[in-house]
N, C-alpha and C. Protein backbone atom coordinates (compact mmCIF):
# COMPACT_ATOMS: atom_id res chain seq x y z
N MET A 1 30.28 0.51 -15.07
CA MET A 1 29.00 0.56 -15.14
C MET A 1 28.73 1.65 -16.37
N GLU A 2 28.05 1.73 -17.31
CA GLU A 2 27.43 2.60 -18.58
C GLU A 2 27.17 3.63 -18.06
N ALA A 3 26.96 4.92 -18.82
CA ALA A 3 26.65 6.54 -18.57
C ALA A 3 24.83 5.81 -18.20
N LEU A 4 24.70 5.92 -19.72
CA LEU A 4 23.15 5.57 -19.26
C LEU A 4 22.79 4.94 -18.30
N THR A 5 23.09 3.77 -17.48
CA THR A 5 22.53 3.25 -16.28
C THR A 5 22.93 4.53 -15.48
N LEU A 6 24.48 4.86 -15.32
CA LEU A 6 24.41 5.92 -14.12
C LEU A 6 23.49 7.02 -14.17
N LEU A 7 23.11 7.99 -15.44
CA LEU A 7 22.39 8.27 -15.49
C LEU A 7 20.81 8.44 -14.97
N GLU A 8 20.66 7.29 -14.91
CA GLU A 8 19.44 6.59 -14.86
C GLU A 8 19.36 6.56 -13.17
N HIS A 9 20.38 6.40 -12.74
CA HIS A 9 20.55 6.07 -11.47
C HIS A 9 20.37 7.21 -10.63
N ASP A 10 20.86 8.72 -11.33
CA ASP A 10 20.84 9.93 -10.60
C ASP A 10 19.09 10.23 -10.40
N ILE A 11 18.93 9.90 -11.95
CA ILE A 11 17.17 10.53 -12.14
C ILE A 11 16.60 9.93 -10.79
N LEU A 12 16.79 8.76 -10.68
CA LEU A 12 15.96 8.04 -9.72
C LEU A 12 16.48 8.60 -8.00
N LEU A 13 17.25 8.71 -8.25
CA LEU A 13 18.02 9.34 -6.89
C LEU A 13 17.14 10.93 -6.71
N PHE A 14 17.17 11.79 -7.55
CA PHE A 14 16.43 12.98 -7.26
C PHE A 14 14.88 12.76 -7.42
N ILE A 15 14.15 11.93 -7.64
CA ILE A 15 13.01 11.31 -7.74
C ILE A 15 13.31 10.75 -6.05
N GLN A 16 14.05 10.47 -5.76
CA GLN A 16 13.75 9.64 -4.23
C GLN A 16 13.82 10.51 -2.99
N GLU A 17 14.92 11.97 -3.73
CA GLU A 17 15.19 12.41 -2.79
C GLU A 17 14.24 13.58 -2.22
N TYR A 18 13.38 14.22 -3.82
CA TYR A 18 13.25 15.62 -4.11
C TYR A 18 11.75 16.02 -4.28
N ILE A 19 11.31 14.41 -4.74
CA ILE A 19 10.03 14.37 -5.36
C ILE A 19 9.14 13.45 -4.44
N ARG A 20 9.39 12.32 -3.98
CA ARG A 20 8.77 11.71 -2.98
C ARG A 20 8.53 12.70 -1.99
N ALA A 21 6.70 12.12 -1.48
CA ALA A 21 6.40 13.23 -0.42
C ALA A 21 5.92 12.07 0.59
N GLY A 22 5.49 12.11 1.99
CA GLY A 22 4.66 11.51 2.39
C GLY A 22 3.04 10.81 1.52
N TRP A 23 2.40 12.43 1.42
CA TRP A 23 1.41 12.27 1.57
C TRP A 23 0.71 11.74 -0.61
N LEU A 24 1.80 11.43 -0.98
CA LEU A 24 2.03 10.64 -2.54
C LEU A 24 2.05 9.70 -2.55
N ASP A 25 3.35 9.21 -1.28
CA ASP A 25 3.66 7.82 -1.31
C ASP A 25 2.03 6.64 -1.37
N GLY A 26 1.51 7.01 -0.62
CA GLY A 26 0.36 5.91 -0.92
C GLY A 26 -0.39 5.77 -1.95
N LEU A 27 -0.95 7.52 -2.67
CA LEU A 27 -1.31 7.16 -3.77
C LEU A 27 -0.62 6.46 -4.94
N MET A 28 0.88 6.81 -4.52
CA MET A 28 1.52 6.22 -5.70
C MET A 28 1.47 4.60 -5.74
N LYS A 29 1.70 3.90 -4.52
CA LYS A 29 1.24 2.86 -4.51
C LYS A 29 -0.02 2.03 -4.97
N VAL A 30 -0.98 2.85 -4.57
CA VAL A 30 -2.24 2.50 -5.15
C VAL A 30 -2.53 2.54 -6.56
N ILE A 31 -1.64 3.15 -7.08
CA ILE A 31 -1.28 3.60 -8.62
C ILE A 31 -0.68 2.28 -9.51
N THR A 32 0.21 1.59 -8.58
CA THR A 32 1.37 0.88 -9.32
C THR A 32 0.70 -0.16 -8.96
N PHE A 33 -0.48 -0.58 -7.67
CA PHE A 33 -0.74 -1.73 -7.44
C PHE A 33 -2.15 -1.91 -8.60
N LEU A 34 -1.99 -0.68 -9.11
CA LEU A 34 -3.22 -1.56 -10.81
C LEU A 34 -2.46 -1.96 -11.71
N GLY A 35 -1.04 -2.29 -11.40
CA GLY A 35 -0.41 -2.71 -12.39
C GLY A 35 -0.11 -3.91 -12.50
N ASN A 36 -0.02 -4.62 -11.10
CA ASN A 36 0.21 -6.23 -10.70
C ASN A 36 0.06 -6.76 -11.06
N GLY A 37 0.95 -8.12 -11.88
CA GLY A 37 -0.19 -8.84 -12.58
C GLY A 37 -1.08 -8.57 -13.57
N GLY A 38 -1.69 -7.25 -14.00
CA GLY A 38 -2.08 -6.87 -15.06
C GLY A 38 -3.59 -6.91 -14.89
N TRP A 39 -3.69 -7.02 -13.15
CA TRP A 39 -5.18 -7.22 -13.37
C TRP A 39 -6.42 -6.69 -13.86
N PHE A 40 -5.76 -5.04 -13.04
CA PHE A 40 -6.92 -4.18 -13.53
C PHE A 40 -7.34 -4.50 -15.00
N PHE A 41 -6.34 -4.60 -15.68
CA PHE A 41 -6.22 -4.00 -17.09
C PHE A 41 -6.81 -5.71 -17.60
N ILE A 42 -6.47 -6.70 -16.94
CA ILE A 42 -7.50 -8.34 -17.15
C ILE A 42 -9.06 -7.84 -17.14
N VAL A 43 -9.34 -7.47 -15.74
CA VAL A 43 -10.68 -6.80 -15.42
C VAL A 43 -11.63 -6.66 -16.40
N LEU A 44 -10.62 -5.19 -16.67
CA LEU A 44 -11.02 -4.16 -17.82
C LEU A 44 -11.66 -4.93 -19.12
N GLY A 45 -10.92 -5.50 -19.50
CA GLY A 45 -11.01 -6.29 -20.78
C GLY A 45 -12.10 -7.45 -20.79
N VAL A 46 -11.77 -7.89 -19.45
CA VAL A 46 -12.93 -9.17 -19.43
C VAL A 46 -14.75 -8.19 -19.20
N ALA A 47 -14.50 -7.21 -18.33
CA ALA A 47 -15.86 -6.35 -17.95
C ALA A 47 -15.99 -6.02 -19.74
N LEU A 48 -15.01 -5.47 -20.41
CA LEU A 48 -15.82 -5.86 -21.80
C LEU A 48 -16.45 -6.42 -22.46
N ALA A 49 -15.40 -7.38 -22.32
CA ALA A 49 -16.04 -8.53 -23.09
C ALA A 49 -17.23 -9.00 -23.04
N ILE A 50 -17.69 -8.97 -21.96
CA ILE A 50 -19.31 -9.74 -21.20
C ILE A 50 -20.19 -8.94 -21.93
N TYR A 51 -20.55 -7.63 -22.31
CA TYR A 51 -21.37 -7.31 -23.55
C TYR A 51 -21.05 -6.67 -24.55
N PRO A 52 -22.13 -7.41 -24.95
CA PRO A 52 -22.31 -7.35 -26.57
C PRO A 52 -22.14 -6.17 -27.13
N LYS A 53 -22.38 -4.83 -26.47
CA LYS A 53 -22.16 -4.07 -27.28
C LYS A 53 -20.59 -3.02 -27.23
N THR A 54 -19.96 -3.62 -26.22
CA THR A 54 -18.33 -3.39 -26.27
C THR A 54 -17.67 -5.00 -26.16
N ARG A 55 -18.25 -6.25 -26.85
CA ARG A 55 -17.50 -6.91 -26.60
C ARG A 55 -16.40 -7.39 -27.63
N THR A 56 -16.28 -7.09 -28.71
CA THR A 56 -14.90 -6.70 -29.54
C THR A 56 -14.21 -5.86 -28.98
N TYR A 57 -14.51 -4.41 -28.02
CA TYR A 57 -13.39 -3.86 -27.93
C TYR A 57 -12.45 -4.86 -26.13
N GLY A 58 -13.62 -5.46 -25.88
CA GLY A 58 -13.25 -6.47 -24.78
C GLY A 58 -11.84 -7.76 -25.12
N PHE A 59 -12.06 -8.40 -26.02
CA PHE A 59 -11.35 -9.64 -26.41
C PHE A 59 -10.34 -9.04 -27.75
N LEU A 60 -10.12 -7.38 -27.68
CA LEU A 60 -8.93 -6.44 -28.40
C LEU A 60 -7.98 -6.45 -27.10
N VAL A 61 -8.63 -5.89 -26.35
CA VAL A 61 -7.98 -5.46 -25.01
C VAL A 61 -7.13 -6.48 -24.37
N LEU A 62 -7.52 -7.48 -24.14
CA LEU A 62 -7.07 -9.04 -23.87
C LEU A 62 -6.20 -9.65 -24.78
N ALA A 63 -6.62 -9.83 -26.42
CA ALA A 63 -5.68 -10.18 -27.41
C ALA A 63 -4.10 -8.88 -27.00
N ALA A 64 -4.26 -8.05 -26.68
CA ALA A 64 -3.32 -6.69 -26.99
C ALA A 64 -2.32 -7.14 -25.57
N LEU A 65 -3.32 -7.46 -24.45
CA LEU A 65 -2.64 -7.52 -23.02
C LEU A 65 -1.39 -9.02 -23.42
N ALA A 66 -2.73 -10.25 -23.94
CA ALA A 66 -1.54 -11.23 -24.05
C ALA A 66 -0.11 -11.16 -25.15
N VAL A 67 -0.64 -10.67 -26.32
CA VAL A 67 0.93 -10.42 -26.89
C VAL A 67 1.89 -9.22 -26.27
N ASP A 68 1.40 -8.60 -25.08
CA ASP A 68 2.41 -7.54 -24.11
C ASP A 68 3.04 -8.64 -23.49
N ALA A 69 2.33 -9.45 -22.83
CA ALA A 69 2.64 -10.60 -21.46
C ALA A 69 3.71 -11.33 -22.26
N VAL A 70 3.64 -11.65 -23.68
CA VAL A 70 4.35 -13.00 -24.44
C VAL A 70 5.62 -12.49 -24.46
N VAL A 71 5.45 -11.05 -25.01
CA VAL A 71 7.18 -10.54 -25.51
C VAL A 71 7.62 -9.73 -24.45
N LEU A 72 6.87 -8.87 -23.02
CA LEU A 72 7.52 -8.95 -21.88
C LEU A 72 8.31 -9.93 -21.28
N ASN A 73 6.96 -10.25 -20.20
CA ASN A 73 7.49 -10.64 -19.57
C ASN A 73 7.97 -12.47 -19.88
N LEU A 74 7.44 -13.17 -21.04
CA LEU A 74 8.45 -14.48 -21.30
C LEU A 74 9.64 -13.96 -22.22
N GLY A 75 9.53 -13.11 -23.01
CA GLY A 75 10.39 -12.92 -23.93
C GLY A 75 11.62 -11.94 -23.44
N LEU A 76 11.47 -10.77 -23.19
CA LEU A 76 12.67 -9.52 -23.74
C LEU A 76 13.37 -9.41 -21.79
N LYS A 77 12.04 -9.87 -20.66
CA LYS A 77 12.88 -10.17 -19.15
C LYS A 77 13.66 -10.84 -19.29
N ASN A 78 13.81 -12.64 -19.68
CA ASN A 78 14.71 -13.12 -19.76
C ASN A 78 15.82 -13.05 -20.30
N LEU A 79 15.45 -12.26 -21.45
CA LEU A 79 16.78 -12.66 -22.47
C LEU A 79 17.82 -11.25 -21.76
N VAL A 80 16.86 -9.69 -21.63
CA VAL A 80 17.89 -9.03 -20.60
C VAL A 80 18.25 -9.21 -19.78
N GLN A 81 17.46 -9.53 -18.62
CA GLN A 81 17.89 -10.03 -17.26
C GLN A 81 18.44 -8.90 -16.68
N ARG A 82 18.03 -7.97 -17.48
CA ARG A 82 18.20 -6.92 -16.27
C ARG A 82 17.96 -6.47 -14.68
N ALA A 83 19.12 -6.20 -14.03
CA ALA A 83 18.57 -6.37 -12.55
C ALA A 83 18.03 -4.92 -11.60
N ARG A 84 17.28 -5.21 -11.08
CA ARG A 84 15.81 -3.63 -10.40
C ARG A 84 17.35 -2.80 -10.12
N PRO A 85 16.55 -1.79 -9.85
CA PRO A 85 17.68 -0.51 -9.58
C PRO A 85 17.87 -0.89 -8.17
N TYR A 86 17.54 -1.41 -7.27
CA TYR A 86 17.79 -1.39 -5.99
C TYR A 86 18.98 -2.55 -5.73
N ASP A 87 18.46 -3.35 -6.56
CA ASP A 87 20.06 -4.07 -6.41
C ASP A 87 21.05 -3.65 -7.07
N GLN A 88 21.31 -2.83 -7.63
CA GLN A 88 22.53 -2.10 -8.30
C GLN A 88 22.81 -1.15 -7.88
N PHE A 89 22.45 -0.23 -7.34
CA PHE A 89 22.14 0.67 -6.07
C PHE A 89 21.87 0.58 -4.87
N PRO A 90 22.65 0.24 -3.65
CA PRO A 90 22.22 0.62 -2.26
C PRO A 90 21.45 1.62 -2.12
N ASP A 91 21.68 2.68 -2.24
CA ASP A 91 21.06 4.02 -2.45
C ASP A 91 20.26 4.28 -2.68
N LEU A 92 19.32 3.51 -3.56
CA LEU A 92 18.03 3.49 -3.89
C LEU A 92 16.99 2.46 -2.83
N ILE A 93 16.02 3.32 -2.57
CA ILE A 93 15.18 2.37 -1.42
C ILE A 93 13.66 2.03 -2.20
N PRO A 94 13.08 0.98 -2.71
CA PRO A 94 12.05 1.06 -3.07
C PRO A 94 10.95 1.48 -1.66
N LEU A 95 10.13 1.44 -2.34
CA LEU A 95 8.65 1.76 -1.59
C LEU A 95 7.81 0.56 -1.27
N VAL A 96 7.51 -0.84 -2.25
CA VAL A 96 7.24 -1.96 -2.30
C VAL A 96 8.19 -2.68 -2.23
N GLY A 97 7.58 -3.99 -1.86
CA GLY A 97 8.43 -5.17 -1.32
C GLY A 97 9.51 -5.04 -3.38
N ARG A 98 10.49 -5.90 -2.43
CA ARG A 98 11.81 -6.40 -3.59
C ARG A 98 10.56 -7.33 -4.40
N LEU A 99 10.71 -7.05 -5.77
CA LEU A 99 10.77 -7.62 -6.24
C LEU A 99 11.27 -8.92 -7.12
N LYS A 100 11.12 -10.30 -7.67
CA LYS A 100 12.17 -11.18 -7.78
C LYS A 100 12.11 -11.65 -9.01
N ASP A 101 11.26 -10.52 -9.99
CA ASP A 101 11.89 -11.22 -11.70
C ASP A 101 12.93 -9.30 -12.03
N PHE A 102 13.22 -9.87 -13.41
CA PHE A 102 13.97 -9.01 -13.77
C PHE A 102 12.73 -7.36 -14.52
N SER A 103 13.97 -6.71 -14.65
CA SER A 103 13.98 -4.84 -14.64
C SER A 103 13.38 -4.61 -15.68
N PHE A 104 13.77 -4.72 -16.71
CA PHE A 104 13.75 -4.94 -18.54
C PHE A 104 12.74 -5.97 -19.03
N PRO A 105 11.68 -5.12 -19.64
CA PRO A 105 11.15 -3.80 -19.47
C PRO A 105 9.88 -4.32 -18.46
N SER A 106 9.35 -2.94 -18.62
CA SER A 106 8.76 -2.61 -17.55
C SER A 106 7.14 -3.30 -17.98
N GLY A 107 6.76 -4.58 -16.98
CA GLY A 107 5.29 -4.95 -17.56
C GLY A 107 4.58 -4.58 -17.13
N HIS A 108 4.43 -3.54 -16.22
CA HIS A 108 3.08 -2.69 -15.75
C HIS A 108 3.18 -1.46 -16.88
N SER A 109 4.16 -1.12 -17.18
CA SER A 109 3.84 -0.03 -18.29
C SER A 109 2.90 -0.70 -19.80
N GLY A 110 4.05 -1.85 -19.77
CA GLY A 110 3.47 -2.08 -20.76
C GLY A 110 2.10 -3.05 -21.04
N CYS A 111 1.36 -3.22 -19.91
CA CYS A 111 0.40 -3.78 -19.61
C CYS A 111 -0.55 -2.54 -19.78
N ALA A 112 -0.38 -1.52 -19.27
CA ALA A 112 -1.15 -0.53 -19.00
C ALA A 112 -1.33 -0.02 -20.69
N PHE A 113 -0.46 0.33 -21.21
CA PHE A 113 -0.25 1.09 -22.93
C PHE A 113 -0.90 -0.06 -23.79
N ALA A 114 -1.17 -1.33 -23.08
CA ALA A 114 -1.89 -2.20 -24.50
C ALA A 114 -2.57 -2.20 -24.50
N ALA A 115 -3.70 -1.72 -23.12
CA ALA A 115 -4.88 -1.81 -22.97
C ALA A 115 -5.13 -0.14 -23.70
N ALA A 116 -4.60 0.64 -22.96
CA ALA A 116 -5.04 1.96 -22.78
C ALA A 116 -5.15 1.81 -24.88
N GLY A 117 -3.73 1.62 -25.33
CA GLY A 117 -3.53 1.89 -26.72
C GLY A 117 -4.30 1.33 -27.60
N THR A 118 -4.92 0.36 -26.98
CA THR A 118 -6.35 -0.57 -28.13
C THR A 118 -7.38 0.26 -27.96
N LEU A 119 -7.64 0.79 -26.29
CA LEU A 119 -8.91 1.46 -27.05
C LEU A 119 -8.49 2.81 -27.39
N CYS A 120 -7.48 3.22 -27.51
CA CYS A 120 -7.37 4.78 -27.94
C CYS A 120 -7.04 4.52 -29.63
N LEU A 121 -7.22 3.39 -30.21
CA LEU A 121 -7.08 3.01 -31.62
C LEU A 121 -8.81 2.25 -32.03
N ILE A 122 -9.02 1.65 -31.39
CA ILE A 122 -10.29 1.35 -31.65
C ILE A 122 -11.88 1.80 -31.31
N LEU A 123 -11.47 2.25 -30.54
CA LEU A 123 -12.80 3.03 -30.04
C LEU A 123 -13.03 4.38 -31.34
N PRO A 124 -14.90 4.22 -31.11
CA PRO A 124 -15.57 5.32 -32.12
C PRO A 124 -15.04 6.64 -31.94
N HIS A 125 -15.34 7.71 -32.91
CA HIS A 125 -14.70 8.94 -31.97
C HIS A 125 -15.39 9.52 -31.10
N GLY A 126 -16.56 9.51 -31.01
CA GLY A 126 -17.58 10.27 -30.29
C GLY A 126 -17.29 9.65 -28.78
N LYS A 127 -16.43 7.80 -28.59
CA LYS A 127 -15.96 7.56 -27.18
C LYS A 127 -14.57 6.99 -26.97
N LYS A 128 -13.50 7.75 -27.59
CA LYS A 128 -12.43 8.28 -27.59
C LYS A 128 -11.70 8.90 -26.15
N ALA A 129 -12.68 9.43 -25.68
CA ALA A 129 -12.07 10.29 -24.17
C ALA A 129 -12.14 9.36 -23.46
N TRP A 130 -12.56 7.83 -23.51
CA TRP A 130 -12.64 6.73 -22.69
C TRP A 130 -10.37 6.10 -22.63
N GLY A 131 -10.39 6.18 -24.04
CA GLY A 131 -9.09 5.18 -24.77
C GLY A 131 -8.29 6.58 -23.58
N TYR A 132 -8.72 8.01 -24.59
CA TYR A 132 -7.52 9.15 -23.84
C TYR A 132 -7.53 9.14 -22.36
N GLY A 133 -8.59 9.06 -21.40
CA GLY A 133 -8.33 8.87 -19.99
C GLY A 133 -7.46 8.17 -19.76
N LEU A 134 -8.04 6.48 -20.05
CA LEU A 134 -6.73 5.35 -19.88
C LEU A 134 -5.50 5.42 -20.09
N LEU A 135 -5.05 6.54 -21.55
CA LEU A 135 -3.64 6.55 -21.63
C LEU A 135 -3.12 7.55 -20.34
N GLY A 136 -3.93 8.37 -19.99
CA GLY A 136 -3.33 9.52 -18.63
C GLY A 136 -2.85 8.48 -17.89
N LEU A 137 -3.99 7.11 -17.51
CA LEU A 137 -4.00 6.75 -16.24
C LEU A 137 -2.50 5.84 -16.79
N ALA A 138 -2.52 5.37 -17.88
CA ALA A 138 -1.59 4.28 -18.13
C ALA A 138 0.18 4.96 -18.22
N PHE A 139 0.07 6.61 -18.22
CA PHE A 139 1.28 7.45 -18.14
C PHE A 139 1.61 7.28 -16.89
N ILE A 140 0.72 7.87 -15.71
CA ILE A 140 0.61 7.66 -14.28
C ILE A 140 1.24 6.55 -13.97
N LEU A 141 0.36 5.55 -14.51
CA LEU A 141 1.32 4.20 -13.41
C LEU A 141 2.75 3.69 -13.96
N ALA A 142 3.18 4.23 -15.33
CA ALA A 142 4.35 4.38 -15.17
C ALA A 142 5.27 5.07 -14.46
N LEU A 143 4.92 6.32 -14.57
CA LEU A 143 5.61 7.25 -13.53
C LEU A 143 5.77 6.53 -12.33
N SER A 144 4.74 5.72 -11.70
CA SER A 144 4.82 5.33 -10.56
C SER A 144 5.47 4.23 -9.90
N ARG A 145 6.54 4.02 -11.51
CA ARG A 145 7.06 2.93 -11.40
C ARG A 145 8.34 3.50 -10.63
N LEU A 146 8.70 4.68 -11.13
CA LEU A 146 9.57 5.27 -11.37
C LEU A 146 9.94 5.55 -9.93
N TYR A 147 8.83 6.33 -9.34
CA TYR A 147 8.46 7.13 -8.11
C TYR A 147 8.37 5.76 -6.72
N VAL A 148 7.91 4.94 -7.09
CA VAL A 148 8.28 3.55 -6.10
C VAL A 148 9.90 2.97 -6.46
N GLY A 149 10.41 3.15 -6.89
CA GLY A 149 11.91 2.82 -7.04
C GLY A 149 12.41 1.54 -7.77
N VAL A 150 11.84 0.77 -8.64
CA VAL A 150 11.53 -0.79 -8.97
C VAL A 150 11.78 -0.91 -10.67
N HIS A 151 12.01 0.59 -10.99
CA HIS A 151 11.86 0.40 -12.32
C HIS A 151 13.49 1.40 -12.96
N PHE A 152 14.13 1.05 -13.41
CA PHE A 152 14.56 2.36 -14.57
C PHE A 152 14.06 3.21 -15.49
N PRO A 153 14.10 4.40 -16.36
CA PRO A 153 13.27 5.24 -16.92
C PRO A 153 13.34 4.57 -18.45
N THR A 154 14.75 3.74 -18.40
CA THR A 154 14.18 3.27 -19.93
C THR A 154 13.31 1.40 -19.81
N ASP A 155 13.23 1.22 -18.65
CA ASP A 155 12.46 0.14 -18.65
C ASP A 155 11.04 0.69 -18.82
N VAL A 156 10.64 1.40 -18.15
CA VAL A 156 8.97 2.14 -18.50
C VAL A 156 9.26 2.68 -20.23
N VAL A 157 9.31 3.39 -20.37
CA VAL A 157 9.96 3.60 -21.15
C VAL A 157 9.68 2.74 -22.65
N ALA A 158 10.62 1.54 -22.81
CA ALA A 158 10.36 0.08 -23.19
C ALA A 158 9.07 -0.42 -23.13
N GLY A 159 8.77 -0.24 -22.10
CA GLY A 159 7.60 -1.52 -21.57
C GLY A 159 6.06 -0.44 -22.35
N ALA A 160 6.21 0.66 -22.19
CA ALA A 160 5.24 1.73 -22.49
C ALA A 160 4.89 1.45 -24.40
N VAL A 161 6.37 1.21 -24.98
CA VAL A 161 6.22 1.54 -26.34
C VAL A 161 5.90 0.26 -26.83
N ILE A 162 6.89 -1.06 -26.26
CA ILE A 162 5.81 -2.05 -26.15
C ILE A 162 4.71 -2.78 -26.50
N GLY A 163 3.96 -1.97 -24.80
CA GLY A 163 2.46 -2.46 -25.15
C GLY A 163 1.73 -1.21 -25.97
N PHE A 164 2.17 -0.41 -26.57
CA PHE A 164 1.66 0.23 -27.28
C PHE A 164 1.61 -0.55 -28.83
N LEU A 165 2.50 -0.76 -28.99
CA LEU A 165 2.88 -1.41 -30.47
C LEU A 165 2.02 -2.69 -30.68
N SER A 166 1.97 -3.63 -29.11
CA SER A 166 0.99 -4.81 -29.16
C SER A 166 0.08 -4.32 -29.58
N ALA A 167 -0.56 -2.41 -29.20
CA ALA A 167 -2.16 -2.97 -29.46
C ALA A 167 -2.01 -1.98 -30.70
N VAL A 168 -1.09 -1.68 -31.18
CA VAL A 168 -1.18 -1.30 -32.99
C VAL A 168 -1.29 -2.90 -33.81
N LEU A 169 -0.73 -3.68 -33.01
CA LEU A 169 -0.68 -5.23 -34.05
C LEU A 169 -1.64 -5.88 -33.76
N VAL A 170 -2.62 -5.33 -32.88
CA VAL A 170 -3.85 -6.64 -32.62
C VAL A 170 -4.71 -5.55 -33.22
N VAL A 171 -4.85 -4.60 -33.46
CA VAL A 171 -6.02 -3.08 -34.05
C VAL A 171 -5.50 -3.82 -35.56
N PHE A 172 -4.29 -3.57 -35.68
CA PHE A 172 -4.28 -4.08 -37.14
C PHE A 172 -4.65 -5.21 -37.94
N LEU A 173 -4.30 -6.15 -37.04
CA LEU A 173 -4.60 -7.88 -37.47
C LEU A 173 -6.39 -7.65 -37.48
N TYR A 174 -6.64 -6.99 -36.63
CA TYR A 174 -8.44 -7.29 -36.56
C TYR A 174 -9.09 -6.10 -37.55
N ARG A 175 -8.53 -5.32 -38.22
CA ARG A 175 -9.07 -4.66 -38.74
C ARG A 175 -8.74 -4.96 -40.40
N ARG A 176 -7.53 -5.51 -40.37
CA ARG A 176 -7.42 -6.32 -41.78
C ARG A 176 -8.25 -7.87 -41.87
N GLN A 177 -8.88 -8.08 -40.87
CA GLN A 177 -9.62 -9.50 -40.85
C GLN A 177 -10.85 -9.12 -40.90
N GLU A 178 -11.14 -7.92 -40.64
CA GLU A 178 -13.01 -7.29 -40.91
C GLU A 178 -13.04 -6.93 -42.40
N ARG A 179 -11.95 -6.57 -42.76
CA ARG A 179 -11.65 -6.07 -44.12
C ARG A 179 -11.88 -7.49 -45.36
N LYS A 180 -11.48 -8.34 -45.17
CA LYS A 180 -11.32 -9.45 -45.68
C LYS A 180 -12.70 -10.20 -45.15
N ARG A 181 -13.33 -9.96 -44.53
CA ARG A 181 -14.96 -10.35 -44.04
C ARG A 181 -15.63 -10.05 -45.12
N ARG A 182 -15.52 -8.70 -45.26
CA ARG A 182 -16.60 -7.93 -45.67
C ARG A 182 -16.47 -7.88 -47.30
N GLU A 183 -15.31 -8.58 -47.85
CA GLU A 183 -15.27 -8.81 -49.30
C GLU A 183 -15.73 -10.06 -49.87
């Protein structure tokens, strides 16, 4: 087994033995639930798309989520096929039900950072706090995946990076299209 995977095992075991606490378990399960199937971020995108003043933001969030889903869930998860931590190491006990899909990269982290990244990049200066708040939630959600024991740290980092890059791509294409439209 490679050294990085063993180090990640040790990190997850440390979290399991020294950081998990009964009062925190329920909160982390709720936070991780927000990323299940990307539902929270899809609802956020749809809610923004409903209102004319925020419609563009909503469509951009949904576009970034779509890019992220294609790259992560349809592409990399099936290409890499990394087993979940608890499937590789019996001493790691998940706090949520065992998942049937692959571990790398974290889809929860990806969708959270795709939505948050989009809003951080596109919201005007006076409203950026909303994007930064969502970015904070994305960070906590990514950490929750380690806490509940369903991802290795590199899964979470890769998911966050891919999610944020999905946001960068979508916002870049939108701004380029807007410049062409104005010319």
